[in-house]
């Protein structure tokens, strides 16, 4: 089996032992789970190398017996954890629901491995014969969003204004006003060398041309847009002005993350989701909160807000250790 960041010697040993089994019984259930984990980790690890995610590619890459691999893949498809994407005369296997895999106990990650998972969540944006590859993992991350009530209040007021404006200027004006400026600031144009797309076509053995999405949405651009607004759309600001504006954006982002942390902490008090599913969410929250605190410290020492965020961070770390006793929020 080829060396993979997410596949450890424990997985390799489980695969070798599973290959030697002539007839699977109930006593092999834990071993099978470990092999399933290896399969899912392999798919995540190689999501930017789709030619390695065909049945034959996975047989070679994982080192698992063809019929046993096929049987487990079909089982995971039936459980709606994996999906098959038709490409030419073959299929690529891709994560459909990472949350479900965590809930069923098929996956568990360390904090370091979580960083790898999150870094691999960026869509690949490759299109073959109309099929877009690479955004399934991002869509299936166990990230839950519950917006504060103020969003509904803002939406209600905005709808009234847009309704009045549409009666004067037409509904088309509203669509353009909402969509065009956002897309112009969110999308980034990418140009990939021909040999890059040709590699995908050659490895997957398809006759159809492999196309890269020309315009790719980047969350990074949202921060640039927000900072530009904080600068009052000033076209030639000084570096100090940019740092001050960024500081205000980072403050607002951190306040939102504190709100999300409070929701998660409250949910943990009232529910008992599966351990690995919960750990993934807590680790994700910790990683984002840590980074947000560091960014704010670098540009704007709002000690009160940083102190509040660090208290939430400590609560989340305690929850990860299984400690549920902490001061009221």
Protein backbone atom coordinates (compact mmCIF):
# COMPACT_ATOMS: atom_id res chain seq x y z
CA UNK A 1 0.00 0.00 0.00
CA UNK A 2 1.31 3.44 -0.87
CA UNK A 3 2.24 5.69 2.04
CA UNK A 4 -0.60 8.05 2.96
CA UNK A 5 -0.71 10.78 5.57
CA UNK A 6 -4.07 9.61 6.92
CA UNK A 7 -3.43 5.86 6.79
CA UNK A 8 -1.36 4.55 9.70
CA UNK A 9 0.36 1.24 10.37
CA UNK A 10 -2.71 0.23 12.40
CA UNK A 11 -4.82 0.51 9.23
CA UNK A 12 -2.22 -1.34 7.15
CA UNK A 13 -2.14 -4.21 9.64
CA UNK A 14 -5.96 -4.36 9.70
CA UNK A 15 -6.06 -4.55 5.90
CA UNK A 16 -3.51 -7.37 5.81
CA UNK A 17 -5.41 -9.31 8.46
CA UNK A 18 -8.74 -8.70 6.69
CA UNK A 19 -7.28 -10.00 3.43
CA UNK A 20 -6.44 -13.30 5.12
CA UNK A 21 -10.01 -13.91 6.29
CA UNK A 22 -11.69 -16.64 4.25
CA UNK A 23 -15.18 -16.27 5.75
CA UNK A 24 -16.26 -13.14 7.59
CA UNK A 25 -18.14 -13.61 10.88
CA UNK A 26 -19.48 -11.37 13.67
CA UNK A 27 -16.15 -11.59 15.50
CA UNK A 28 -14.56 -9.65 12.61
CA UNK A 29 -16.85 -6.63 13.08
CA UNK A 30 -14.23 -4.41 14.78
CA UNK A 31 -11.60 -5.38 12.22
CA UNK A 32 -14.00 -4.55 9.38
CA UNK A 33 -14.65 -1.13 10.94
CA UNK A 34 -10.92 -0.40 10.96
CA UNK A 35 -10.69 -1.39 7.26
CA UNK A 36 -13.67 0.84 6.46
CA UNK A 37 -11.88 3.67 8.22
CA UNK A 38 -8.82 3.03 6.03
CA UNK A 39 -11.01 3.18 2.89
CA UNK A 40 -12.61 6.47 3.91
CA UNK A 41 -9.27 7.99 4.90
CA UNK A 42 -7.79 6.90 1.55
CA UNK A 43 -10.65 8.55 -0.37
CA UNK A 44 -10.23 11.81 1.56
CA UNK A 45 -6.44 11.74 1.16
CA UNK A 46 -6.63 11.22 -2.61
CA UNK A 47 -9.55 13.49 -3.47
CA UNK A 48 -7.22 15.65 -5.61
CA UNK A 49 -6.06 12.51 -7.47
CA UNK A 50 -9.38 11.13 -8.73
CA UNK A 51 -7.72 8.51 -10.94
CA UNK A 52 -6.76 6.76 -7.67
CA UNK A 53 -10.42 6.58 -6.63
CA UNK A 54 -11.63 4.05 -9.18
CA UNK A 55 -12.21 0.51 -7.94
CA UNK A 56 -8.97 -0.70 -9.52
CA UNK A 57 -7.09 2.38 -8.34
CA UNK A 58 -8.28 1.81 -4.80
CA UNK A 59 -7.48 -1.89 -4.92
CA UNK A 60 -3.89 -1.03 -5.80
CA UNK A 61 -3.60 2.00 -3.49
CA UNK A 62 -5.14 0.44 -0.38
CA UNK A 63 -3.92 -3.10 -0.95
CA UNK A 64 -7.30 -4.63 -0.18
CA UNK A 65 -8.65 -7.72 -1.96
CA UNK A 66 -10.79 -6.64 -4.96
CA UNK A 67 -13.99 -8.50 -4.02
CA UNK A 68 -13.79 -7.47 -0.36
CA UNK A 69 -13.13 -3.85 -1.33
CA UNK A 70 -16.05 -3.85 -3.77
CA UNK A 71 -18.37 -5.36 -1.14
CA UNK A 72 -17.46 -2.70 1.44
CA UNK A 73 -17.77 0.14 -1.08
CA UNK A 74 -21.25 -1.02 -2.10
CA UNK A 75 -22.23 -1.26 1.58
CA UNK A 76 -21.06 2.33 2.19
CA UNK A 77 -22.99 3.50 -0.87
CA UNK A 78 -26.11 1.76 0.46
CA UNK A 79 -25.59 3.52 3.80
CA UNK A 80 -25.32 6.85 1.91
CA UNK A 81 -21.81 7.50 3.19
CA UNK A 82 -20.16 7.18 -0.24
CA UNK A 83 -21.34 7.98 -3.73
CA UNK A 84 -20.25 6.82 -7.20
CA UNK A 85 -19.55 9.39 -9.90
CA UNK A 86 -19.65 8.09 -13.50
CA UNK A 87 -16.60 9.16 -15.53
CA UNK A 88 -16.18 7.64 -18.98
CA UNK A 89 -16.41 3.86 -18.62
CA UNK A 90 -15.63 3.81 -14.92
CA UNK A 91 -16.75 5.22 -11.58
CA UNK A 92 -15.02 7.40 -9.01
CA UNK A 93 -15.84 6.88 -5.35
CA UNK A 94 -16.33 9.98 -3.25
CA UNK A 95 -17.43 10.96 0.26
CA UNK A 96 -21.14 11.76 0.33
CA UNK A 97 -21.73 12.19 4.08
CA UNK A 98 -18.74 12.57 6.39
CA UNK A 99 -21.07 13.43 9.27
CA UNK A 100 -22.80 10.06 8.98
CA UNK A 101 -19.47 8.21 8.88
CA UNK A 102 -18.50 9.91 12.14
CA UNK A 103 -21.89 9.20 13.73
CA UNK A 104 -21.65 5.48 12.88
CA UNK A 105 -18.15 5.27 14.33
CA UNK A 106 -16.41 4.50 11.03
CA UNK A 107 -14.00 7.42 11.45
CA UNK A 108 -12.03 9.08 14.22
CA UNK A 109 -9.35 11.75 13.87
CA UNK A 110 -6.65 13.32 15.98
CA UNK A 111 -6.37 17.13 16.09
CA UNK A 112 -3.45 16.99 13.64
CA UNK A 113 -5.40 14.79 11.22
CA UNK A 114 -8.37 17.13 11.44
CA UNK A 115 -6.20 19.92 10.04
CA UNK A 116 -5.45 17.70 7.02
CA UNK A 117 -9.15 16.94 6.54
CA UNK A 118 -10.17 20.59 6.64
CA UNK A 119 -7.36 21.57 4.27
CA UNK A 120 -8.62 18.98 1.76
CA UNK A 121 -12.19 20.32 1.85
CA UNK A 122 -11.58 22.94 -0.86
CA UNK A 123 -13.51 22.01 -4.04
CA UNK A 124 -11.41 20.61 -6.88
CA UNK A 125 -13.53 22.36 -9.58
CA UNK A 126 -12.85 19.85 -12.34
CA UNK A 127 -15.65 19.04 -14.76
CA UNK A 128 -15.74 15.91 -16.91
CA UNK A 129 -18.67 15.40 -19.27
CA UNK A 130 -20.82 17.76 -17.22
CA UNK A 131 -19.94 16.16 -13.87
CA UNK A 132 -18.31 18.47 -11.34
CA UNK A 133 -15.80 16.67 -9.14
CA UNK A 134 -14.56 17.65 -5.75
CA UNK A 135 -17.18 19.52 -3.71
CA UNK A 136 -18.74 16.51 -1.92
CA UNK A 137 -16.40 16.58 1.09
CA UNK A 138 -16.98 20.28 1.72
CA UNK A 139 -20.75 19.79 1.64
CA UNK A 140 -20.64 16.85 4.04
CA UNK A 141 -18.52 18.35 6.84
CA UNK A 142 -20.37 18.26 10.19
CA UNK A 143 -20.62 22.02 10.44
CA UNK A 144 -23.96 23.36 11.65
CA UNK A 145 -25.07 26.94 11.30
CA UNK A 146 -27.81 28.52 13.34
CA UNK A 147 -27.97 32.21 12.66
CA UNK A 148 -29.00 34.62 15.45
CA UNK A 149 -32.54 36.04 15.38
CA UNK A 150 -31.19 39.39 14.21
CA UNK A 151 -30.62 37.82 10.77
CA UNK A 152 -34.37 37.29 10.41
CA UNK A 153 -35.00 40.84 11.56
CA UNK A 154 -32.54 42.25 9.02
CA UNK A 155 -34.01 40.01 6.30
CA UNK A 156 -37.55 41.24 7.03
CA UNK A 157 -36.54 44.91 6.79
CA UNK A 158 -34.46 44.27 3.65
CA UNK A 159 -37.33 42.43 1.95
CA UNK A 160 -39.62 45.41 2.53
CA UNK A 161 -37.07 47.77 0.97
CA UNK A 162 -36.41 45.43 -1.98
CA UNK A 163 -40.15 44.98 -2.51
CA UNK A 164 -40.66 48.73 -2.72
CA UNK A 165 -37.60 49.17 -4.94
CA UNK A 166 -38.76 46.34 -7.23
CA UNK A 167 -42.15 47.98 -7.71
CA UNK A 168 -40.30 51.08 -8.91
CA UNK A 169 -37.38 49.54 -10.84
CA UNK A 170 -38.55 45.98 -11.50
CA UNK A 171 -37.57 42.70 -9.84
CA UNK A 172 -34.69 42.22 -12.31
CA UNK A 173 -32.90 45.13 -10.67
CA UNK A 174 -33.06 43.34 -7.29
CA UNK A 175 -31.56 40.14 -8.75
CA UNK A 176 -28.70 42.02 -10.37
CA UNK A 177 -28.10 44.16 -7.28
CA UNK A 178 -27.86 41.08 -5.04
CA UNK A 179 -25.93 38.79 -7.38
CA UNK A 180 -23.58 40.71 -9.66
CA UNK A 181 -21.57 42.69 -7.05
CA UNK A 182 -21.24 39.58 -4.87
CA UNK A 183 -20.03 37.35 -7.70
CA UNK A 184 -17.64 40.00 -8.96
CA UNK A 185 -15.95 40.15 -5.55
CA UNK A 186 -16.27 36.47 -4.59
CA UNK A 187 -15.10 34.78 -7.78
CA UNK A 188 -11.43 34.44 -8.73
CA UNK A 189 -10.38 33.50 -12.25
CA UNK A 190 -7.99 30.56 -12.52
CA UNK A 191 -6.02 29.46 -15.55
CA UNK A 192 -4.61 25.95 -15.39
CA UNK A 193 -1.90 24.69 -17.77
CA UNK A 194 -3.13 22.27 -20.41
CA UNK A 195 -0.84 19.50 -19.16
CA UNK A 196 -2.61 19.66 -15.79
CA UNK A 197 -6.05 18.86 -17.21
CA UNK A 198 -4.54 16.42 -19.71
CA UNK A 199 -3.16 14.37 -16.80
CA UNK A 200 -6.66 13.87 -15.43
CA UNK A 201 -7.98 12.77 -18.82
CA UNK A 202 -5.07 10.38 -19.39
CA UNK A 203 -5.13 8.81 -15.92
CA UNK A 204 -8.92 8.36 -15.98
CA UNK A 205 -8.77 7.03 -19.57
CA UNK A 206 -11.64 9.16 -20.82
CA UNK A 207 -12.02 10.57 -24.32
CA UNK A 208 -14.03 13.59 -23.20
CA UNK A 209 -12.09 16.79 -22.50
CA UNK A 210 -11.42 17.58 -18.86
CA UNK A 211 -12.43 21.14 -18.04
CA UNK A 212 -11.39 23.27 -15.10
CA UNK A 213 -13.97 25.70 -13.76
CA UNK A 214 -12.79 29.11 -14.95
CA UNK A 215 -14.18 31.10 -12.03
CA UNK A 216 -13.80 29.72 -8.52
CA UNK A 217 -15.52 31.21 -5.44
CA UNK A 218 -13.04 31.91 -2.64
CA UNK A 219 -14.10 32.68 0.94
CA UNK A 220 -10.83 34.65 1.19
CA UNK A 221 -12.38 37.27 -1.07
CA UNK A 222 -15.20 37.89 1.42
CA UNK A 223 -12.63 39.18 3.92
CA UNK A 224 -11.12 41.44 1.28
CA UNK A 225 -14.60 42.76 0.44
CA UNK A 226 -15.47 43.38 4.10
CA UNK A 227 -12.15 45.15 4.68
CA UNK A 228 -12.75 47.32 1.61
CA UNK A 229 -16.14 48.31 3.07
CA UNK A 230 -14.48 49.10 6.43
CA UNK A 231 -12.12 51.41 4.51
CA UNK A 232 -15.22 53.19 3.20
CA UNK A 233 -14.22 51.94 -0.27
CA UNK A 234 -11.05 54.04 -0.16
CA UNK A 235 -8.93 53.21 -3.21
CA UNK A 236 -5.48 54.21 -1.91
CA UNK A 237 -5.34 53.49 1.82
CA UNK A 238 -2.13 53.36 3.82
CA UNK A 239 -0.95 50.07 5.34
CA UNK A 240 -1.90 51.34 8.80
CA UNK A 241 -5.44 52.08 7.59
CA UNK A 242 -5.68 48.58 6.11
CA UNK A 243 -4.49 47.04 9.39
CA UNK A 244 -7.06 49.03 11.36
CA UNK A 245 -9.83 48.01 8.96
CA UNK A 246 -8.74 44.36 9.08
CA UNK A 247 -8.75 44.56 12.86
CA UNK A 248 -12.39 45.64 12.82
CA UNK A 249 -13.30 42.79 10.44
CA UNK A 250 -11.42 40.26 12.61
CA UNK A 251 -13.25 41.58 15.69
CA UNK A 252 -16.62 41.01 14.06
CA UNK A 253 -15.59 37.56 12.83
CA UNK A 254 -14.44 36.60 16.33
CA UNK A 255 -17.74 37.79 17.84
CA UNK A 256 -19.58 35.53 15.37
CA UNK A 257 -17.34 32.58 16.24
CA UNK A 258 -17.98 33.14 19.97
CA UNK A 259 -21.70 32.99 19.20
CA UNK A 260 -21.22 29.68 17.32
CA UNK A 261 -19.12 28.32 20.21
CA UNK A 262 -21.90 29.16 22.67
CA UNK A 263 -24.39 27.27 20.49
CA UNK A 264 -22.17 24.18 20.41
CA UNK A 265 -21.54 24.28 24.16
CA UNK A 266 -25.27 24.62 24.80
CA UNK A 267 -26.03 21.74 22.40
CA UNK A 268 -23.55 19.46 24.19
CA UNK A 269 -25.32 20.18 27.48
CA UNK A 270 -28.69 19.13 26.05
CA UNK A 271 -27.81 16.31 23.62
CA UNK A 272 -25.57 13.26 23.39
CA UNK A 273 -24.40 12.85 19.78
CA UNK A 274 -21.90 10.09 18.97
CA UNK A 275 -18.46 10.63 20.49
CA UNK A 276 -16.45 10.90 17.26
CA UNK A 277 -19.06 13.09 15.58
CA UNK A 278 -18.97 15.40 18.59
CA UNK A 279 -15.17 15.40 18.86
CA UNK A 280 -14.86 16.37 15.20
CA UNK A 281 -17.14 19.36 15.73
CA UNK A 282 -15.35 20.46 18.90
CA UNK A 283 -11.91 20.15 17.30
CA UNK A 284 -13.12 22.10 14.26
CA UNK A 285 -14.43 24.87 16.50
CA UNK A 286 -11.18 24.95 18.49
CA UNK A 287 -9.04 25.17 15.33
CA UNK A 288 -11.06 28.08 13.91
CA UNK A 289 -11.31 29.93 17.22
CA UNK A 290 -7.56 29.64 17.86
CA UNK A 291 -6.75 31.04 14.42
CA UNK A 292 -9.26 33.90 14.82
CA UNK A 293 -7.77 34.86 18.21
CA UNK A 294 -4.24 34.86 16.77
CA UNK A 295 -5.30 37.04 13.81
CA UNK A 296 -6.89 39.61 16.11
CA UNK A 297 -3.85 39.67 18.40
CA UNK A 298 -1.63 40.44 15.40
CA UNK A 299 -3.60 43.47 14.20
CA UNK A 300 -5.76 44.78 17.02
CA UNK A 301 -5.24 44.03 20.69
CA UNK A 302 -8.87 44.06 21.82
CA UNK A 303 -8.00 42.44 25.14
CA UNK A 304 -11.60 42.17 26.38
CA UNK A 305 -12.81 40.30 23.29
CA UNK A 306 -9.69 38.12 23.15
CA UNK A 307 -10.12 37.22 26.82
CA UNK A 308 -13.76 36.25 26.22
CA UNK A 309 -12.78 34.10 23.22
CA UNK A 310 -9.99 32.40 25.17
CA UNK A 311 -12.48 31.47 27.91
CA UNK A 312 -14.69 29.80 25.28
CA UNK A 313 -11.61 28.06 23.90
CA UNK A 314 -10.79 26.64 27.33
CA UNK A 315 -14.36 25.37 27.77
CA UNK A 316 -14.20 23.61 24.38
CA UNK A 317 -10.84 22.03 25.26
CA UNK A 318 -12.30 20.78 28.55
CA UNK A 319 -15.29 19.32 26.68
CA UNK A 320 -12.89 17.52 24.35
CA UNK A 321 -11.29 15.95 27.42
CA UNK A 322 -14.72 14.82 28.56
CA UNK A 323 -15.11 17.44 31.28
CA UNK A 324 -18.61 18.92 31.37
CA UNK A 325 -18.26 21.00 34.54
CA UNK A 326 -17.68 24.68 33.89
CA UNK A 327 -19.02 28.04 34.90
CA UNK A 328 -22.27 29.20 33.34
CA UNK A 329 -21.93 30.97 30.03
